[in-house]
Amino acid sequence: MNHYQIVKEEIDARDPKQFLHHTPEDEYDPEIKRIVELLPTATSIDKLAVVINEVFVNMFSAEEVFSINNCYPIALKIWNKINNG
């Protein structure tokens, strides 16, 4: 599974803005693409959580939904799938 598919699977599973039940399946694609572009800068789970947080806060201006605490479980799952195959 490539990085885009891994990130998409986890972001869509979390559906942080509860969009997917009434919008197209590609609703989070711009955010997912940006996270994938920034993956090389995420050298730890904590840094990946920050990347996810920053991407979603910049795109949606909804910091409470995308707090680091809320982004960490997504980052952990992505990190494990990418690094442990």
PDB file of N, CA and C in Angstrom:
ATOM      1  N   MET A   1       0.862  -1.178   0.000  1.00  0.00           N
ATOM      2  CA  MET A   1       0.000   0.000   0.000  1.00  0.00           C
ATOM      3  C   MET A   1       0.907   1.239   0.000  1.00  0.00           C
ATOM      4  N   ASN A   2       0.603   2.189  -0.877  1.00  0.00           N
ATOM      5  CA  ASN A   2       1.442   3.384  -0.936  1.00  0.00           C
ATOM      6  C   ASN A   2       1.036   4.393   0.146  1.00  0.00           C
ATOM      7  N   HIS A   3       1.863   5.384   0.335  1.00  0.00           N
ATOM      8  CA  HIS A   3       1.638   6.358   1.411  1.00  0.00           C
ATOM      9  C   HIS A   3       0.307   7.082   1.273  1.00  0.00           C
ATOM     10  N   TYR A   4      -0.052   7.435   0.047  1.00  0.00           N
ATOM     11  CA  TYR A   4      -1.336   8.115  -0.161  1.00  0.00           C
ATOM     12  C   TYR A   4      -2.482   7.231   0.325  1.00  0.00           C
ATOM     13  N   GLN A   5      -2.470   5.963  -0.044  1.00  0.00           N
ATOM     14  CA  GLN A   5      -3.538   5.049   0.358  1.00  0.00           C
ATOM     15  C   GLN A   5      -3.593   4.876   1.870  1.00  0.00           C
ATOM     16  N   ILE A   6      -2.437   4.802   2.505  1.00  0.00           N
ATOM     17  CA  ILE A   6      -2.380   4.650   3.962  1.00  0.00           C
ATOM     18  C   ILE A   6      -2.981   5.871   4.644  1.00  0.00           C
ATOM     19  N   VAL A   7      -2.541   7.058   4.228  1.00  0.00           N
ATOM     20  CA  VAL A   7      -3.035   8.292   4.842  1.00  0.00           C
ATOM     21  C   VAL A   7      -4.534   8.433   4.578  1.00  0.00           C
ATOM     22  N   LYS A   8      -4.968   8.164   3.359  1.00  0.00           N
ATOM     23  CA  LYS A   8      -6.389   8.275   3.023  1.00  0.00           C
ATOM     24  C   LYS A   8      -7.231   7.332   3.877  1.00  0.00           C
ATOM     25  N   GLU A   9      -6.777   6.119   4.018  1.00  0.00           N
ATOM     26  CA  GLU A   9      -7.515   5.139   4.805  1.00  0.00           C
ATOM     27  C   GLU A   9      -7.729   5.629   6.241  1.00  0.00           C
ATOM     28  N   GLU A  10      -6.686   6.166   6.835  1.00  0.00           N
ATOM     29  CA  GLU A  10      -6.783   6.606   8.236  1.00  0.00           C
ATOM     30  C   GLU A  10      -7.567   7.904   8.392  1.00  0.00           C
ATOM     31  N   ILE A  11      -7.373   8.849   7.503  1.00  0.00           N
ATOM     32  CA  ILE A  11      -8.124  10.113   7.584  1.00  0.00           C
ATOM     33  C   ILE A  11      -9.602   9.848   7.323  1.00  0.00           C
ATOM     34  N   ASP A  12      -9.906   9.070   6.305  1.00  0.00           N
ATOM     35  CA  ASP A  12     -11.307   8.762   6.011  1.00  0.00           C
ATOM     36  C   ASP A  12     -11.963   7.972   7.147  1.00  0.00           C
ATOM     37  N   ALA A  13     -11.226   7.064   7.759  1.00  0.00           N
ATOM     38  CA  ALA A  13     -11.771   6.282   8.872  1.00  0.00           C
ATOM     39  C   ALA A  13     -12.121   7.193  10.048  1.00  0.00           C
ATOM     40  N   ARG A  14     -11.299   8.181  10.275  1.00  0.00           N
ATOM     41  CA  ARG A  14     -11.531   9.133  11.373  1.00  0.00           C
ATOM     42  C   ARG A  14     -12.612  10.142  10.999  1.00  0.00           C
ATOM     43  N   ASP A  15     -12.673  10.528   9.724  1.00  0.00           N
ATOM     44  CA  ASP A  15     -13.652  11.497   9.213  1.00  0.00           C
ATOM     45  C   ASP A  15     -13.812  12.669  10.197  1.00  0.00           C
ATOM     46  N   PRO A  16     -12.742  13.430  10.405  1.00  0.00           N
ATOM     47  CA  PRO A  16     -12.728  14.439  11.469  1.00  0.00           C
ATOM     48  C   PRO A  16     -13.810  15.514  11.385  1.00  0.00           C
ATOM     49  N   LYS A  17     -14.288  15.822  10.216  1.00  0.00           N
ATOM     50  CA  LYS A  17     -15.339  16.841  10.090  1.00  0.00           C
ATOM     51  C   LYS A  17     -16.709  16.212   9.826  1.00  0.00           C
ATOM     52  N   GLN A  18     -16.785  14.898   9.907  1.00  0.00           N
ATOM     53  CA  GLN A  18     -18.040  14.166   9.675  1.00  0.00           C
ATOM     54  C   GLN A  18     -18.657  14.526   8.323  1.00  0.00           C
ATOM     55  N   PHE A  19     -17.801  14.551   7.301  1.00  0.00           N
ATOM     56  CA  PHE A  19     -18.231  14.910   5.958  1.00  0.00           C
ATOM     57  C   PHE A  19     -18.663  13.695   5.134  1.00  0.00           C
ATOM     58  N   LEU A  20     -18.029  12.582   5.348  1.00  0.00           N
ATOM     59  CA  LEU A  20     -18.125  11.497   4.389  1.00  0.00           C
ATOM     60  C   LEU A  20     -19.504  10.855   4.295  1.00  0.00           C
ATOM     61  N   HIS A  21     -20.338  11.058   5.276  1.00  0.00           N
ATOM     62  CA  HIS A  21     -21.675  10.470   5.174  1.00  0.00           C
ATOM     63  C   HIS A  21     -22.590  11.275   4.249  1.00  0.00           C
ATOM     64  N   HIS A  22     -22.162  12.474   3.838  1.00  0.00           N
ATOM     65  CA  HIS A  22     -23.005  13.281   2.949  1.00  0.00           C
ATOM     66  C   HIS A  22     -22.235  14.034   1.866  1.00  0.00           C
ATOM     67  N   THR A  23     -20.973  13.706   1.669  1.00  0.00           N
ATOM     68  CA  THR A  23     -20.179  14.352   0.619  1.00  0.00           C
ATOM     69  C   THR A  23     -19.410  13.276  -0.153  1.00  0.00           C
ATOM     70  N   PRO A  24     -18.770  13.663  -1.239  1.00  0.00           N
ATOM     71  CA  PRO A  24     -18.025  12.684  -2.043  1.00  0.00           C
ATOM     72  C   PRO A  24     -16.887  12.032  -1.252  1.00  0.00           C
ATOM     73  N   GLU A  25     -16.524  10.852  -1.680  1.00  0.00           N
ATOM     74  CA  GLU A  25     -15.470  10.069  -1.053  1.00  0.00           C
ATOM     75  C   GLU A  25     -14.107  10.772  -1.072  1.00  0.00           C
ATOM     76  N   ASP A  26     -13.938  11.728  -1.984  1.00  0.00           N
ATOM     77  CA  ASP A  26     -12.652  12.421  -2.107  1.00  0.00           C
ATOM     78  C   ASP A  26     -12.616  13.742  -1.336  1.00  0.00           C
ATOM     79  N   GLU A  27     -13.501  13.927  -0.397  1.00  0.00           N
ATOM     80  CA  GLU A  27     -13.621  15.190   0.341  1.00  0.00           C
ATOM     81  C   GLU A  27     -12.304  15.633   0.983  1.00  0.00           C
ATOM     82  N   TYR A  28     -11.545  14.726   1.536  1.00  0.00           N
ATOM     83  CA  TYR A  28     -10.308  15.072   2.232  1.00  0.00           C
ATOM     84  C   TYR A  28      -9.069  14.961   1.339  1.00  0.00           C
ATOM     85  N   ASP A  29      -9.228  14.734   0.056  1.00  0.00           N
ATOM     86  CA  ASP A  29      -8.076  14.519  -0.817  1.00  0.00           C
ATOM     87  C   ASP A  29      -7.052  15.656  -0.805  1.00  0.00           C
ATOM     88  N   PRO A  30      -7.442  16.937  -0.812  1.00  0.00           N
ATOM     89  CA  PRO A  30      -6.413  17.988  -0.745  1.00  0.00           C
ATOM     90  C   PRO A  30      -5.576  17.909   0.538  1.00  0.00           C
ATOM     91  N   GLU A  31      -6.225  17.624   1.651  1.00  0.00           N
ATOM     92  CA  GLU A  31      -5.509  17.517   2.924  1.00  0.00           C
ATOM     93  C   GLU A  31      -4.617  16.278   2.932  1.00  0.00           C
ATOM     94  N   ILE A  32      -5.130  15.186   2.406  1.00  0.00           N
ATOM     95  CA  ILE A  32      -4.356  13.946   2.355  1.00  0.00           C
ATOM     96  C   ILE A  32      -3.120  14.137   1.482  1.00  0.00           C
ATOM     97  N   LYS A  33      -3.274  14.753   0.330  1.00  0.00           N
ATOM     98  CA  LYS A  33      -2.132  14.999  -0.553  1.00  0.00           C
ATOM     99  C   LYS A  33      -1.080  15.860   0.134  1.00  0.00           C
ATOM    100  N   ARG A  34      -1.521  16.864   0.860  1.00  0.00           N
ATOM    101  CA  ARG A  34      -0.576  17.746   1.569  1.00  0.00           C
ATOM    102  C   ARG A  34       0.149  16.983   2.676  1.00  0.00           C
ATOM    103  N   ILE A  35      -0.563  16.157   3.411  1.00  0.00           N
ATOM    104  CA  ILE A  35       0.081  15.354   4.462  1.00  0.00           C
ATOM    105  C   ILE A  35       1.127  14.437   3.839  1.00  0.00           C
ATOM    106  N   VAL A  36       0.789  13.793   2.730  1.00  0.00           N
ATOM    107  CA  VAL A  36       1.740  12.901   2.054  1.00  0.00           C
ATOM    108  C   VAL A  36       2.964  13.683   1.596  1.00  0.00           C
ATOM    109  N   GLU A  37       2.773  14.885   1.072  1.00  0.00           N
ATOM    110  CA  GLU A  37       3.908  15.722   0.658  1.00  0.00           C
ATOM    111  C   GLU A  37       4.825  16.038   1.832  1.00  0.00           C
ATOM    112  N   LEU A  38       4.237  16.203   3.013  1.00  0.00           N
ATOM    113  CA  LEU A  38       5.007  16.581   4.201  1.00  0.00           C
ATOM    114  C   LEU A  38       5.540  15.384   4.996  1.00  0.00           C
ATOM    115  N   LEU A  39       5.209  14.176   4.595  1.00  0.00           N
ATOM    116  CA  LEU A  39       5.679  12.993   5.327  1.00  0.00           C
ATOM    117  C   LEU A  39       7.188  12.973   5.548  1.00  0.00           C
ATOM    118  N   PRO A  40       8.008  13.367   4.569  1.00  0.00           N
ATOM    119  CA  PRO A  40       9.454  13.339   4.812  1.00  0.00           C
ATOM    120  C   PRO A  40       9.912  14.237   5.978  1.00  0.00           C
ATOM    121  N   THR A  41       9.116  15.238   6.314  1.00  0.00           N
ATOM    122  CA  THR A  41       9.484  16.123   7.427  1.00  0.00           C
ATOM    123  C   THR A  41       9.053  15.556   8.775  1.00  0.00           C
ATOM    124  N   ALA A  42       8.226  14.531   8.746  1.00  0.00           N
ATOM    125  CA  ALA A  42       7.710  13.930   9.981  1.00  0.00           C
ATOM    126  C   ALA A  42       8.617  12.786  10.383  1.00  0.00           C
ATOM    127  N   THR A  43       9.570  13.090  11.239  1.00  0.00           N
ATOM    128  CA  THR A  43      10.573  12.108  11.624  1.00  0.00           C
ATOM    129  C   THR A  43      10.204  11.353  12.903  1.00  0.00           C
ATOM    130  N   SER A  44       9.006  11.584  13.400  1.00  0.00           N
ATOM    131  CA  SER A  44       8.512  10.874  14.577  1.00  0.00           C
ATOM    132  C   SER A  44       6.982  10.918  14.556  1.00  0.00           C
ATOM    133  N   ILE A  45       6.370  10.143  15.415  1.00  0.00           N
ATOM    134  CA  ILE A  45       4.906  10.161  15.518  1.00  0.00           C
ATOM    135  C   ILE A  45       4.434  11.540  15.961  1.00  0.00           C
ATOM    136  N   ASP A  46       5.137  12.130  16.916  1.00  0.00           N
ATOM    137  CA  ASP A  46       4.753  13.462  17.397  1.00  0.00           C
ATOM    138  C   ASP A  46       4.803  14.492  16.274  1.00  0.00           C
ATOM    139  N   LYS A  47       5.856  14.438  15.464  1.00  0.00           N
ATOM    140  CA  LYS A  47       5.969  15.392  14.351  1.00  0.00           C
ATOM    141  C   LYS A  47       4.909  15.141  13.291  1.00  0.00           C
ATOM    142  N   LEU A  48       4.549  13.884  13.077  1.00  0.00           N
ATOM    143  CA  LEU A  48       3.479  13.574  12.140  1.00  0.00           C
ATOM    144  C   LEU A  48       2.143  14.109  12.658  1.00  0.00           C
ATOM    145  N   ALA A  49       1.908  14.020  13.949  1.00  0.00           N
ATOM    146  CA  ALA A  49       0.686  14.584  14.538  1.00  0.00           C
ATOM    147  C   ALA A  49       0.645  16.092  14.317  1.00  0.00           C
ATOM    148  N   VAL A  50       1.781  16.753  14.440  1.00  0.00           N
ATOM    149  CA  VAL A  50       1.854  18.197  14.194  1.00  0.00           C
ATOM    150  C   VAL A  50       1.545  18.495  12.727  1.00  0.00           C
ATOM    151  N   VAL A  51       2.088  17.704  11.816  1.00  0.00           N
ATOM    152  CA  VAL A  51       1.809  17.894  10.389  1.00  0.00           C
ATOM    153  C   VAL A  51       0.319  17.769  10.126  1.00  0.00           C
ATOM    154  N   ILE A  52      -0.305  16.730  10.628  1.00  0.00           N
ATOM    155  CA  ILE A  52      -1.740  16.524  10.424  1.00  0.00           C
ATOM    156  C   ILE A  52      -2.525  17.692  11.004  1.00  0.00           C
ATOM    157  N   ASN A  53      -2.164  18.094  12.209  1.00  0.00           N
ATOM    158  CA  ASN A  53      -2.816  19.228  12.868  1.00  0.00           C
ATOM    159  C   ASN A  53      -2.705  20.483  12.020  1.00  0.00           C
ATOM    160  N   GLU A  54      -1.506  20.813  11.577  1.00  0.00           N
ATOM    161  CA  GLU A  54      -1.296  22.045  10.809  1.00  0.00           C
ATOM    162  C   GLU A  54      -2.043  22.028   9.483  1.00  0.00           C
ATOM    163  N   VAL A  55      -2.037  20.899   8.804  1.00  0.00           N
ATOM    164  CA  VAL A  55      -2.745  20.806   7.519  1.00  0.00           C
ATOM    165  C   VAL A  55      -4.238  21.041   7.726  1.00  0.00           C
ATOM    166  N   PHE A  56      -4.826  20.365   8.684  1.00  0.00           N
ATOM    167  CA  PHE A  56      -6.268  20.508   8.878  1.00  0.00           C
ATOM    168  C   PHE A  56      -6.659  21.857   9.453  1.00  0.00           C
ATOM    169  N   VAL A  57      -5.871  22.407  10.348  1.00  0.00           N
ATOM    170  CA  VAL A  57      -6.184  23.737  10.887  1.00  0.00           C
ATOM    171  C   VAL A  57      -6.096  24.776   9.772  1.00  0.00           C
ATOM    172  N   ASN A  58      -5.080  24.649   8.913  1.00  0.00           N
ATOM    173  CA  ASN A  58      -4.955  25.594   7.797  1.00  0.00           C
ATOM    174  C   ASN A  58      -6.103  25.468   6.804  1.00  0.00           C
ATOM    175  N   MET A  59      -6.583  24.272   6.592  1.00  0.00           N
ATOM    176  CA  MET A  59      -7.639  24.057   5.601  1.00  0.00           C
ATOM    177  C   MET A  59      -9.037  24.350   6.162  1.00  0.00           C
ATOM    178  N   PHE A  60      -9.246  24.074   7.443  1.00  0.00           N
ATOM    179  CA  PHE A  60     -10.590  24.172   8.001  1.00  0.00           C
ATOM    180  C   PHE A  60     -10.747  25.192   9.118  1.00  0.00           C
ATOM    181  N   SER A  61      -9.657  25.732   9.625  1.00  0.00           N
ATOM    182  CA  SER A  61      -9.712  26.693  10.737  1.00  0.00           C
ATOM    183  C   SER A  61     -10.557  26.157  11.889  1.00  0.00           C
ATOM    184  N   ALA A  62     -10.337  24.923  12.217  1.00  0.00           N
ATOM    185  CA  ALA A  62     -11.100  24.282  13.286  1.00  0.00           C
ATOM    186  C   ALA A  62     -10.141  23.594  14.246  1.00  0.00           C
ATOM    187  N   GLU A  63      -9.397  24.398  14.973  1.00  0.00           N
ATOM    188  CA  GLU A  63      -8.321  23.874  15.806  1.00  0.00           C
ATOM    189  C   GLU A  63      -8.800  22.896  16.868  1.00  0.00           C
ATOM    190  N   GLU A  64      -9.983  23.116  17.431  1.00  0.00           N
ATOM    191  CA  GLU A  64     -10.447  22.222  18.493  1.00  0.00           C
ATOM    192  C   GLU A  64     -10.679  20.798  17.984  1.00  0.00           C
ATOM    193  N   VAL A  65     -11.141  20.659  16.760  1.00  0.00           N
ATOM    194  CA  VAL A  65     -11.366  19.335  16.183  1.00  0.00           C
ATOM    195  C   VAL A  65     -10.037  18.669  15.861  1.00  0.00           C
ATOM    196  N   PHE A  66      -9.066  19.468  15.487  1.00  0.00           N
ATOM    197  CA  PHE A  66      -7.787  18.952  15.031  1.00  0.00           C
ATOM    198  C   PHE A  66      -6.664  19.254  16.019  1.00  0.00           C
ATOM    199  N   SER A  67      -6.960  19.175  17.300  1.00  0.00           N
ATOM    200  CA  SER A  67      -5.919  19.389  18.298  1.00  0.00           C
ATOM    201  C   SER A  67      -4.860  18.287  18.156  1.00  0.00           C
ATOM    202  N   ILE A  68      -3.710  18.539  18.696  1.00  0.00           N
ATOM    203  CA  ILE A  68      -2.648  17.530  18.650  1.00  0.00           C
ATOM    204  C   ILE A  68      -3.147  16.234  19.271  1.00  0.00           C
ATOM    205  N   ASN A  69      -3.874  16.323  20.369  1.00  0.00           N
ATOM    206  CA  ASN A  69      -4.394  15.112  21.016  1.00  0.00           C
ATOM    207  C   ASN A  69      -5.307  14.325  20.091  1.00  0.00           C
ATOM    208  N   ASN A  70      -6.094  15.006  19.277  1.00  0.00           N
ATOM    209  CA  ASN A  70      -6.980  14.323  18.336  1.00  0.00           C
ATOM    210  C   ASN A  70      -6.223  13.808  17.113  1.00  0.00           C
ATOM    211  N   CYS A  71      -5.113  14.442  16.784  1.00  0.00           N
ATOM    212  CA  CYS A  71      -4.327  14.032  15.616  1.00  0.00           C
ATOM    213  C   CYS A  71      -3.363  12.891  15.937  1.00  0.00           C
ATOM    214  N   TYR A  72      -2.987  12.762  17.193  1.00  0.00           N
ATOM    215  CA  TYR A  72      -1.990  11.752  17.575  1.00  0.00           C
ATOM    216  C   TYR A  72      -2.427  10.324  17.229  1.00  0.00           C
ATOM    217  N   PRO A  73      -3.668   9.905  17.531  1.00  0.00           N
ATOM    218  CA  PRO A  73      -4.047   8.526  17.174  1.00  0.00           C
ATOM    219  C   PRO A  73      -3.985   8.251  15.672  1.00  0.00           C
ATOM    220  N   ILE A  74      -4.331   9.241  14.867  1.00  0.00           N
ATOM    221  CA  ILE A  74      -4.239   9.091  13.413  1.00  0.00           C
ATOM    222  C   ILE A  74      -2.766   8.965  13.019  1.00  0.00           C
ATOM    223  N   ALA A  75      -1.945   9.833  13.583  1.00  0.00           N
ATOM    224  CA  ALA A  75      -0.509   9.805  13.287  1.00  0.00           C
ATOM    225  C   ALA A  75       0.099   8.457  13.669  1.00  0.00           C
ATOM    226  N   LEU A  76      -0.286   7.936  14.805  1.00  0.00           N
ATOM    227  CA  LEU A  76       0.237   6.650  15.273  1.00  0.00           C
ATOM    228  C   LEU A  76      -0.104   5.530  14.290  1.00  0.00           C
ATOM    229  N   LYS A  77      -1.338   5.496  13.824  1.00  0.00           N
ATOM    230  CA  LYS A  77      -1.743   4.456  12.877  1.00  0.00           C
ATOM    231  C   LYS A  77      -1.015   4.601  11.545  1.00  0.00           C
ATOM    232  N   ILE A  78      -0.913   5.837  11.052  1.00  0.00           N
ATOM    233  CA  ILE A  78      -0.196   6.072   9.791  1.00  0.00           C
ATOM    234  C   ILE A  78       1.265   5.674   9.946  1.00  0.00           C
ATOM    235  N   TRP A  79       1.903   6.135  11.015  1.00  0.00           N
ATOM    236  CA  TRP A  79       3.310   5.850  11.281  1.00  0.00           C
ATOM    237  C   TRP A  79       3.561   4.335  11.305  1.00  0.00           C
ATOM    238  N   ASN A  80       2.718   3.617  12.036  1.00  0.00           N
ATOM    239  CA  ASN A  80       2.897   2.173  12.149  1.00  0.00           C
ATOM    240  C   ASN A  80       2.727   1.467  10.807  1.00  0.00           C
ATOM    241  N   LYS A  81       1.753   1.881  10.021  1.00  0.00           N
ATOM    242  CA  LYS A  81       1.547   1.235   8.718  1.00  0.00           C
ATOM    243  C   LYS A  81       2.685   1.528   7.756  1.00  0.00           C
ATOM    244  N   ILE A  82       3.206   2.743   7.788  1.00  0.00           N
ATOM    245  CA  ILE A  82       4.302   3.110   6.886  1.00  0.00           C
ATOM    246  C   ILE A  82       5.610   2.450   7.318  1.00  0.00           C
ATOM    247  N   ASN A  83       5.871   2.452   8.606  1.00  0.00           N
ATOM    248  CA  ASN A  83       7.160   1.984   9.095  1.00  0.00           C
ATOM    249  C   ASN A  83       7.205   0.493   9.429  1.00  0.00           C
ATOM    250  N   ASN A  84       6.066  -0.117   9.616  1.00  0.00           N
ATOM    251  CA  ASN A  84       6.047  -1.544   9.974  1.00  0.00           C
ATOM    252  C   ASN A  84       5.386  -2.383   8.894  1.00  0.00           C
ATOM    253  N   GLY A  85       5.028  -1.707   7.795  1.00  0.00           N
ATOM    254  CA  GLY A  85       4.493  -2.339   6.624  1.00  0.00           C
ATOM    255  C   GLY A  85       3.357  -3.242   6.831  1.00  0.00           C
TER     256      GLY A  85
END
